[in-house]
Amino acid sequence: MNGTRRISLALLLLVASCAPRPPQRHDSQPVNALGLVLNERRLQPSEVGAALGAHAPSTEGVQFDSPRSVLAYILTAAPPRAVVYPSERYYYYRFPLGPRLVSGNLRFADAEERRISVGYFDASNGADLRTAEFRHGVEGVQLSFDTSRGEVRLALDGVARTFVLDTSAFAPPSFPLLPGEVHVSGIRDESGYFLHLIYWPPERSFYYVLNPDRPRPEHWHRGDSSSVELWWGEESRFCFLKDRATGRFILVGVNQREIRENTWFDGPFDQVPPRLPIRAMLEEAYPYVLDAGGLDAHGNFLTQPGQRVAISPYQEYVSGPELESIVAAAVKDGASPRAWVGATYEYKRDWRAPPAYESGGHAVFQSSAWPANHWGAASAAWGEGHTKESSARWPANHDPATSRVVR
C-alpha cells in the first residue's frame, strides 16, 4: 500500500465538535426543518415524530461567532423531547443564517460530567468552523443527566429541553460469538446502519458486523467478484463481505471521498459509544497509543484534547473493482474470522515508535512515530526533507534489532 493510502487512513480522527457534512446530492432537503438531519433522511417516519419542527424560529440575535447564541437558538427550535439517535450522542442540526448555512451538532458525550460541546461550520465553507464547550452553572447553562433514563435536561435563557439518548442499538447480538470473540458494543451509525463492533484478541483486531435484526437503510447490489460475495450500499457505497460459513456481513470498505469530506457515509469509526471501558483493547490493538501520551479509560488521548482513537477496520477505497480484488485476495482460502482480519487490516496497528537511533539519514522512528490520529498541524514539526514517499518505503512492522537507519 502506498504512502498516501497509509497517511490518509491514519488521518481518521474523532473530532469531538465537528458534524458530518451532508453529501451535496442531498442539499435539496428543507433547511428550515431543524432537528436531526439524520432523521430527515434515514429513520422511519414513526421514529422522527416531533423531532422536527414544522417551522424554524427566527434567527434574529443569532451570531455565527457566538456558540452560546447558536446553542440558545437550537434549544428554542428543538422539540420539548428530542431523541439523540447516533450512538456517540450527536444531535445534528442545520439552519440558514444570513449568507451561511450552519451545519453542526450538540455533543452529549460528556453528559455524565455535566458538560456539552457545541460545534458547527458553514456548509458552504467547511473551514469556517466554531466550537465551544459549556459546563453546568457557567454562562447560564443548566445541565442535568438522569443516567437511569438516559435523559439530559438542558436549559439556557429560560428555555429547557430534554434530550433522550437512544440506547436501542446497544443490545447484544442475536448471532452466537465465535471462540475468542468479544462483543464491544452495538452501534447506530449516522448513515442509518446498525452494526456490532467485535474484538478478536488472537489477531488483536476489531471488525464491524452488520446487525441482522435491524432494517438496512438502503438497497444493496451484488459485486462483480465471483470468488467472494460482496454487497454494495446503493447510496453509502459501503461494501460488505458475506461470510458463507456464518452468514455474517462484515464491513470491509468505505469510500475515501466520503471520509475526506466528513459526510454521513464516512464510516462508523466516529459513532463508537463514548463511555466504553476499552483502553486495554485499544492499547493491544494499536500499540502506538502508548507512545502518543496514553489514553483514558474510554480511548481518548490524554495529551491531545478532543481526539479519540479511531477504530476503523475497513479499507478506505477509491475504486470499487480494486477493492473487490483486494478483499478477494485477502480472504482466499481463509477461515473466519482470520479471513476478515486480512480484509479489514489497519496499517496504523503496527505503527509503534522504537527508541531513538543515531542521528543522520532517515531515522527509523521518524517513519513510525507519527501518530495515526494526528492533526494536520502536527505535520509542521517534521523537517522539510522528510516526505511521505520516503516513509512509505519503510515497512510499518520493521525489526528495530536488525534495521537501524535508512539512508
Protein backbone atom coordinates (compact mmCIF):
# COMPACT_ATOMS: atom_id res chain seq x y z
CA MET A 1 0.00 0.00 0.00
CA ASN A 2 1.44 3.41 -0.91
CA GLY A 3 2.32 6.22 1.47
CA THR A 4 -0.71 8.32 0.56
CA ARG A 5 -3.01 5.45 1.47
CA ARG A 6 -1.32 4.92 4.82
CA ILE A 7 -1.37 8.55 5.79
CA SER A 8 -4.95 9.14 4.64
CA LEU A 9 -6.03 6.12 6.66
CA ALA A 10 -4.06 7.48 9.58
CA LEU A 11 -5.97 10.75 9.43
CA LEU A 12 -9.22 9.13 10.62
CA LEU A 13 -9.95 11.30 13.63
CA LEU A 14 -12.72 11.53 16.11
CA VAL A 15 -13.12 15.28 16.28
CA ALA A 16 -15.35 15.98 19.21
CA SER A 17 -17.13 19.03 17.87
CA CYS A 18 -17.40 18.62 14.10
CA ALA A 19 -20.59 17.46 12.42
CA PRO A 20 -20.75 15.37 9.26
CA ARG A 21 -21.07 17.31 6.04
CA PRO A 22 -24.13 16.14 4.13
CA PRO A 23 -23.42 14.90 0.60
CA GLN A 24 -24.15 17.59 -1.94
CA ARG A 25 -26.71 15.40 -3.65
CA HIS A 26 -28.99 15.79 -0.63
CA ASP A 27 -28.83 19.56 -0.21
CA SER A 28 -32.31 19.89 -1.70
CA GLN A 29 -33.89 18.90 1.62
CA PRO A 30 -35.66 21.73 3.51
CA VAL A 31 -33.05 23.52 5.56
CA ASN A 32 -35.58 25.14 7.89
CA ALA A 33 -36.74 21.77 9.27
CA LEU A 34 -34.37 21.95 12.16
CA GLY A 35 -33.61 18.84 14.16
CA LEU A 36 -31.79 15.62 13.44
CA VAL A 37 -30.62 15.78 9.85
CA LEU A 38 -30.11 12.06 10.28
CA ASN A 39 -33.80 11.63 11.00
CA GLU A 40 -34.88 13.50 7.89
CA ARG A 41 -33.00 11.08 5.71
CA ARG A 42 -32.53 7.78 7.41
CA LEU A 43 -35.11 6.91 10.03
CA GLN A 44 -38.66 5.74 9.61
CA PRO A 45 -41.39 8.42 9.89
CA SER A 46 -42.55 6.86 13.16
CA GLU A 47 -39.10 7.45 14.61
CA VAL A 48 -38.98 11.09 13.58
CA GLY A 49 -42.22 12.20 15.21
CA ALA A 50 -41.84 15.56 16.92
CA ALA A 51 -38.09 15.61 16.39
CA LEU A 52 -38.63 18.06 13.52
CA GLY A 53 -40.41 21.35 13.92
CA ALA A 54 -42.82 22.49 11.22
CA HIS A 55 -41.24 25.93 11.19
CA ALA A 56 -37.88 27.06 12.48
CA PRO A 57 -37.92 30.15 14.73
CA SER A 58 -36.43 33.47 13.72
CA THR A 59 -32.64 33.65 13.78
CA GLU A 60 -32.68 37.24 14.98
CA GLY A 61 -29.93 37.66 17.54
CA VAL A 62 -28.03 34.54 16.45
CA GLN A 63 -24.37 35.30 15.68
CA PHE A 64 -22.11 32.85 13.89
CA ASP A 65 -19.16 33.84 16.09
CA SER A 66 -21.17 33.22 19.26
CA PRO A 67 -21.62 29.49 20.03
CA ARG A 68 -23.76 30.48 23.02
CA SER A 69 -26.28 32.22 20.78
CA VAL A 70 -26.34 29.20 18.47
CA LEU A 71 -26.96 26.90 21.43
CA ALA A 72 -29.82 29.13 22.59
CA TYR A 73 -31.33 29.02 19.11
CA ILE A 74 -31.11 25.22 18.89
CA LEU A 75 -32.89 24.89 22.22
CA THR A 76 -35.65 27.22 21.02
CA ALA A 77 -36.07 25.27 17.77
CA ALA A 78 -35.81 21.77 19.23
CA PRO A 79 -38.90 19.88 20.43
CA PRO A 80 -39.55 19.53 24.16
CA ARG A 81 -38.23 15.95 23.98
CA ALA A 82 -35.63 15.33 21.28
CA VAL A 83 -34.11 11.93 20.57
CA VAL A 84 -30.36 11.64 20.01
CA TYR A 85 -30.10 8.57 17.78
CA PRO A 86 -26.41 8.17 16.79
CA SER A 87 -24.55 6.07 19.33
CA GLU A 88 -21.87 8.64 20.02
CA ARG A 89 -24.51 11.10 21.20
CA TYR A 90 -24.53 13.70 18.44
CA TYR A 91 -27.70 15.78 17.92
CA TYR A 92 -27.40 17.24 14.43
CA TYR A 93 -28.90 20.45 13.09
CA ARG A 94 -28.84 22.69 10.03
CA PHE A 95 -30.30 26.15 9.53
CA PRO A 96 -29.74 29.19 7.31
CA LEU A 97 -28.09 32.22 8.90
CA GLY A 98 -27.71 35.16 6.53
CA PRO A 99 -25.11 34.22 3.89
CA ARG A 100 -24.24 30.99 5.69
CA LEU A 101 -25.85 27.56 6.00
CA VAL A 102 -24.97 26.49 9.54
CA SER A 103 -24.42 22.75 9.96
CA GLY A 104 -23.39 21.26 13.28
CA ASN A 105 -24.25 19.28 16.36
CA LEU A 106 -24.71 19.25 20.09
CA ARG A 107 -22.44 16.57 21.52
CA PHE A 108 -23.55 14.86 24.72
CA ALA A 109 -20.56 12.53 25.15
CA ASP A 110 -19.64 14.21 28.45
CA ALA A 111 -23.13 14.46 29.87
CA GLU A 112 -22.05 12.41 32.90
CA GLU A 113 -19.72 15.28 33.77
CA ARG A 114 -22.44 17.86 33.10
CA ARG A 115 -20.68 19.21 30.05
CA ILE A 116 -21.85 19.72 26.46
CA SER A 117 -19.91 20.57 23.30
CA VAL A 118 -21.26 22.76 20.51
CA GLY A 119 -19.70 22.62 17.07
CA TYR A 120 -20.79 23.94 13.69
CA PHE A 121 -19.47 25.19 10.37
CA ASP A 122 -20.64 26.93 7.24
CA ALA A 123 -21.81 24.15 4.92
CA SER A 124 -20.52 26.22 2.00
CA ASN A 125 -17.09 26.64 3.59
CA GLY A 126 -16.05 23.79 5.86
CA ALA A 127 -13.01 25.74 7.10
CA ASP A 128 -15.33 28.31 8.68
CA LEU A 129 -15.73 26.38 11.93
CA ARG A 130 -16.67 27.29 15.51
CA THR A 131 -16.57 25.11 18.63
CA ALA A 132 -17.21 25.63 22.31
CA GLU A 133 -17.77 23.66 25.48
CA PHE A 134 -20.31 24.61 28.14
CA ARG A 135 -20.47 23.39 31.72
CA HIS A 136 -23.35 23.32 34.11
CA GLY A 137 -23.56 26.57 36.03
CA VAL A 138 -21.37 28.57 33.63
CA GLU A 139 -22.76 31.27 31.28
CA GLY A 140 -26.28 30.48 32.41
CA VAL A 141 -26.22 26.86 31.20
CA GLN A 142 -28.11 24.35 33.36
CA LEU A 143 -27.49 20.66 32.64
CA SER A 144 -28.51 17.50 34.45
CA PHE A 145 -28.32 13.87 33.37
CA ASP A 146 -30.62 11.11 34.54
CA THR A 147 -28.42 8.10 33.75
CA SER A 148 -31.14 5.57 34.60
CA ARG A 149 -33.45 7.04 31.95
CA GLY A 150 -30.74 8.25 29.57
CA GLU A 151 -32.19 11.76 29.59
CA VAL A 152 -30.27 15.02 29.51
CA ARG A 153 -32.06 18.13 30.70
CA LEU A 154 -30.55 21.25 29.16
CA ALA A 155 -31.68 24.81 29.83
CA LEU A 156 -30.48 28.28 28.79
CA ASP A 157 -32.13 31.70 28.95
CA GLY A 158 -35.39 30.29 30.25
CA VAL A 159 -35.73 27.61 27.57
CA ALA A 160 -35.40 23.96 28.67
CA ARG A 161 -35.34 20.82 26.57
CA THR A 162 -34.91 17.11 27.26
CA PHE A 163 -32.59 15.11 25.03
CA VAL A 164 -33.15 11.38 25.15
CA LEU A 165 -30.06 9.29 24.38
CA ASP A 166 -31.25 6.34 22.33
CA THR A 167 -29.70 3.05 23.52
CA SER A 168 -31.63 0.61 21.36
CA ALA A 169 -28.51 -0.22 19.33
CA PHE A 170 -26.59 -1.47 22.36
CA ALA A 171 -28.38 -4.80 22.77
CA PRO A 172 -26.08 -7.84 22.44
CA PRO A 173 -26.04 -9.61 19.08
CA SER A 174 -28.56 -12.32 18.35
CA PHE A 175 -25.95 -14.36 16.49
CA PRO A 176 -23.51 -16.51 18.51
CA LEU A 177 -19.99 -15.26 19.08
CA LEU A 178 -17.15 -17.35 17.74
CA PRO A 179 -14.40 -18.71 20.04
CA GLY A 180 -12.32 -15.84 21.38
CA GLU A 181 -14.59 -13.06 20.14
CA VAL A 182 -15.50 -10.17 22.45
CA HIS A 183 -18.59 -8.08 21.77
CA VAL A 184 -17.57 -4.46 22.37
CA SER A 185 -20.82 -2.65 21.62
CA GLY A 186 -23.71 -2.21 19.28
CA ILE A 187 -23.55 0.93 17.13
CA ARG A 188 -26.06 3.12 15.34
CA ASP A 189 -24.15 4.95 12.64
CA GLU A 190 -25.24 8.28 11.21
CA SER A 191 -25.57 6.52 7.86
CA GLY A 192 -28.53 4.66 9.34
CA TYR A 193 -26.76 1.30 9.67
CA PHE A 194 -26.92 -0.77 12.84
CA LEU A 195 -23.65 -2.62 13.46
CA HIS A 196 -21.86 -4.65 16.11
CA LEU A 197 -18.25 -3.83 16.98
CA ILE A 198 -16.36 -7.03 17.79
CA TYR A 199 -12.80 -7.58 19.01
CA TRP A 200 -10.81 -10.73 18.28
CA PRO A 201 -7.76 -11.00 20.61
CA PRO A 202 -5.89 -13.75 18.68
CA GLU A 203 -5.12 -11.18 15.98
CA ARG A 204 -5.66 -8.10 18.20
CA SER A 205 -8.21 -6.90 15.64
CA PHE A 206 -11.57 -5.17 15.54
CA TYR A 207 -14.25 -5.57 12.89
CA TYR A 208 -17.80 -4.34 12.31
CA VAL A 209 -20.59 -6.84 11.68
CA LEU A 210 -24.00 -5.85 10.32
CA ASN A 211 -26.80 -6.19 12.87
CA PRO A 212 -29.13 -8.66 11.14
CA ASP A 213 -32.09 -7.75 13.37
CA ARG A 214 -32.41 -4.14 12.18
CA PRO A 215 -33.55 -2.94 8.74
CA ARG A 216 -30.98 -1.88 6.19
CA PRO A 217 -31.22 1.82 5.34
CA GLU A 218 -30.71 1.37 1.60
CA HIS A 219 -30.80 -1.07 -1.29
CA TRP A 220 -27.81 -3.35 -1.88
CA HIS A 221 -26.23 -4.55 -5.11
CA ARG A 222 -24.11 -7.67 -5.56
CA GLY A 223 -20.50 -7.08 -6.55
CA ASP A 224 -18.77 -8.46 -9.63
CA SER A 225 -16.33 -10.79 -7.89
CA SER A 226 -17.04 -14.46 -8.45
CA SER A 227 -14.67 -15.68 -5.73
CA VAL A 228 -16.18 -13.74 -2.82
CA GLU A 229 -19.69 -12.49 -2.11
CA LEU A 230 -19.58 -8.71 -1.76
CA TRP A 231 -22.52 -6.36 -1.44
CA TRP A 232 -22.54 -2.60 -2.05
CA GLY A 233 -24.80 0.02 -0.48
CA GLU A 234 -26.59 1.86 -3.28
CA GLU A 235 -26.09 5.29 -1.73
CA SER A 236 -23.50 4.95 1.03
CA ARG A 237 -21.17 2.80 -1.12
CA PHE A 238 -20.35 0.80 1.99
CA CYS A 239 -19.02 -2.61 0.98
CA PHE A 240 -19.93 -5.71 2.99
CA LEU A 241 -18.37 -9.15 2.73
CA LYS A 242 -20.76 -12.05 3.29
CA ASP A 243 -19.11 -14.87 5.18
CA ARG A 244 -20.69 -18.03 3.86
CA ALA A 245 -19.86 -20.11 6.93
CA THR A 246 -21.58 -17.84 9.45
CA GLY A 247 -23.93 -15.79 7.28
CA ARG A 248 -22.46 -12.60 8.73
CA PHE A 249 -21.93 -9.43 6.72
CA ILE A 250 -18.58 -7.79 7.56
CA LEU A 251 -17.95 -4.14 6.72
CA VAL A 252 -14.82 -4.17 4.54
CA GLY A 253 -14.88 -0.89 2.61
CA VAL A 254 -15.76 2.79 3.00
CA ASN A 255 -15.33 5.27 0.17
CA GLN A 256 -12.33 7.57 0.54
CA ARG A 257 -14.15 10.65 -0.73
CA GLU A 258 -16.87 10.29 1.90
CA ILE A 259 -14.20 10.03 4.60
CA ARG A 260 -12.31 13.11 3.42
CA GLU A 261 -15.50 15.16 3.11
CA ASN A 262 -16.74 14.00 6.54
CA THR A 263 -20.18 13.01 5.28
CA TRP A 264 -22.82 10.72 6.80
CA PHE A 265 -21.12 7.90 4.91
CA ASP A 266 -17.60 8.27 6.33
CA GLY A 267 -17.78 5.01 8.26
CA PRO A 268 -18.72 4.04 11.83
CA PHE A 269 -15.39 5.00 13.43
CA ASP A 270 -16.98 8.22 14.69
CA GLN A 271 -20.03 6.59 16.27
CA VAL A 272 -18.36 4.25 18.77
CA PRO A 273 -20.14 4.95 22.09
CA PRO A 274 -18.10 7.42 24.15
CA ARG A 275 -18.16 5.77 27.59
CA LEU A 276 -16.94 2.26 26.78
CA PRO A 277 -14.14 0.87 29.02
CA ILE A 278 -11.90 -0.09 26.09
CA ARG A 279 -8.42 1.21 26.95
CA ALA A 280 -6.87 -2.27 27.32
CA MET A 281 -8.23 -3.42 23.95
CA LEU A 282 -7.05 -0.24 22.21
CA GLU A 283 -3.55 -0.46 23.68
CA GLU A 284 -3.31 -4.04 22.48
CA ALA A 285 -4.73 -3.37 19.02
CA TYR A 286 -2.92 -0.05 18.46
CA PRO A 287 0.40 -0.04 20.38
CA TYR A 288 1.32 3.40 19.03
CA VAL A 289 -1.09 5.00 21.50
CA LEU A 290 1.34 4.22 24.33
CA ASP A 291 3.88 6.49 22.62
CA ALA A 292 1.29 9.17 21.90
CA GLY A 293 0.79 10.10 25.54
CA GLY A 294 -1.57 7.30 26.52
CA LEU A 295 -5.36 7.01 26.73
CA ASP A 296 -8.04 7.41 29.32
CA ALA A 297 -10.40 4.54 30.10
CA HIS A 298 -12.62 5.40 27.13
CA GLY A 299 -10.00 5.72 24.40
CA ASN A 300 -9.45 9.49 24.46
CA PHE A 301 -5.88 10.71 24.05
CA LEU A 302 -4.58 12.17 27.30
CA THR A 303 -2.29 14.68 25.59
CA GLN A 304 -4.50 15.54 22.59
CA PRO A 305 -7.74 17.14 23.80
CA GLY A 306 -10.76 16.39 21.65
CA GLN A 307 -9.18 13.39 19.94
CA ARG A 308 -10.05 9.74 20.35
CA VAL A 309 -8.62 6.61 18.80
CA ALA A 310 -10.35 5.90 15.52
CA ILE A 311 -11.44 2.26 15.32
CA SER A 312 -11.54 1.95 11.55
CA PRO A 313 -11.04 -1.69 10.50
CA TYR A 314 -12.06 -1.41 6.86
CA GLN A 315 -10.46 -0.46 3.57
CA GLU A 316 -10.54 3.18 2.53
CA TYR A 317 -11.09 2.65 -1.15
CA VAL A 318 -11.22 4.79 -4.28
CA SER A 319 -12.04 2.14 -6.88
CA GLY A 320 -14.75 -0.42 -6.23
CA PRO A 321 -13.27 -3.05 -8.59
CA GLU A 322 -9.85 -2.59 -6.94
CA LEU A 323 -11.41 -3.11 -3.51
CA GLU A 324 -13.08 -6.31 -4.69
CA SER A 325 -9.69 -7.61 -5.85
CA ILE A 326 -8.05 -6.72 -2.53
CA VAL A 327 -10.76 -8.41 -0.48
CA ALA A 328 -10.81 -11.49 -2.70
CA ALA A 329 -7.07 -11.92 -2.27
CA ALA A 330 -7.27 -11.36 1.49
CA VAL A 331 -9.94 -13.95 2.15
CA LYS A 332 -8.75 -16.56 -0.35
CA ASP A 333 -8.71 -19.96 1.36
CA GLY A 334 -9.12 -18.21 4.69
CA ALA A 335 -11.33 -19.28 7.57
CA SER A 336 -13.40 -16.78 9.53
CA PRO A 337 -12.56 -14.65 11.40
CA ARG A 338 -8.91 -14.72 10.33
CA ALA A 339 -10.00 -14.00 6.77
CA TRP A 340 -11.99 -10.95 7.88
CA VAL A 341 -8.95 -9.59 9.68
CA GLY A 342 -6.97 -9.71 6.45
CA ALA A 343 -9.73 -7.95 4.54
CA THR A 344 -10.11 -5.19 7.13
CA TYR A 345 -6.45 -4.71 8.05
CA GLU A 346 -5.44 -1.33 9.53
CA TYR A 347 -1.87 -0.26 8.92
CA LYS A 348 -1.83 2.01 11.94
CA ARG A 349 -1.96 -1.07 14.15
CA ASP A 350 1.74 -1.59 13.52
CA TRP A 351 2.90 2.00 13.92
CA ARG A 352 4.92 1.87 17.12
CA ALA A 353 7.92 4.11 17.75
CA PRO A 354 11.08 2.23 18.80
CA PRO A 355 13.81 4.01 20.79
CA ALA A 356 15.51 6.87 19.00
CA TYR A 357 18.53 5.82 16.96
CA GLU A 358 21.73 7.55 15.95
CA SER A 359 21.42 10.79 14.06
CA GLY A 360 22.00 11.11 10.37
CA GLY A 361 19.98 9.94 7.40
CA HIS A 362 16.41 8.81 7.70
CA ALA A 363 15.89 7.59 11.28
CA VAL A 364 13.62 4.64 11.86
CA PHE A 365 11.40 6.35 14.40
CA GLN A 366 10.72 9.22 12.04
CA SER A 367 8.67 6.90 9.87
CA SER A 368 6.76 5.20 12.64
CA ALA A 369 6.39 7.75 15.43
CA TRP A 370 3.88 9.92 13.64
CA PRO A 371 0.67 9.05 15.50
CA ALA A 372 -2.00 7.51 13.35
CA ASN A 373 -4.52 10.03 14.70
CA HIS A 374 -2.94 13.49 14.37
CA TRP A 375 -3.97 16.97 13.42
CA GLY A 376 -2.60 18.25 10.14
CA ALA A 377 -0.81 20.96 12.10
CA ALA A 378 1.31 18.27 13.74
CA SER A 379 2.94 17.64 10.40
CA ALA A 380 4.64 21.02 10.68
CA ALA A 381 7.02 19.56 13.26
CA TRP A 382 8.62 17.39 10.59
CA GLY A 383 11.56 18.63 8.61
CA GLU A 384 11.01 19.68 5.02
CA GLY A 385 13.24 16.84 3.81
CA HIS A 386 11.00 14.17 5.31
CA THR A 387 8.43 13.22 2.71
CA LYS A 388 5.59 10.76 2.82
CA GLU A 389 7.22 8.92 -0.06
CA SER A 390 10.32 8.16 1.99
CA SER A 391 8.13 6.95 4.87
CA ALA A 392 6.17 4.69 2.58
CA ARG A 393 9.30 2.74 1.66
CA TRP A 394 9.93 1.83 5.28
CA PRO A 395 7.91 -1.23 6.37
CA ALA A 396 5.42 -0.48 9.12
CA ASN A 397 6.28 -3.65 11.04
CA HIS A 398 10.08 -3.50 10.89
CA ASP A 399 12.53 -5.19 13.21
CA PRO A 400 14.40 -2.49 15.20
CA ALA A 401 17.05 -5.03 16.18
CA THR A 402 18.23 -5.51 12.61
CA SER A 403 17.19 -2.23 10.98
CA ARG A 404 18.61 0.97 12.32
CA VAL A 405 18.91 3.74 9.74
CA VAL A 406 17.66 4.08 6.19
CA ARG A 407 19.83 6.34 4.11
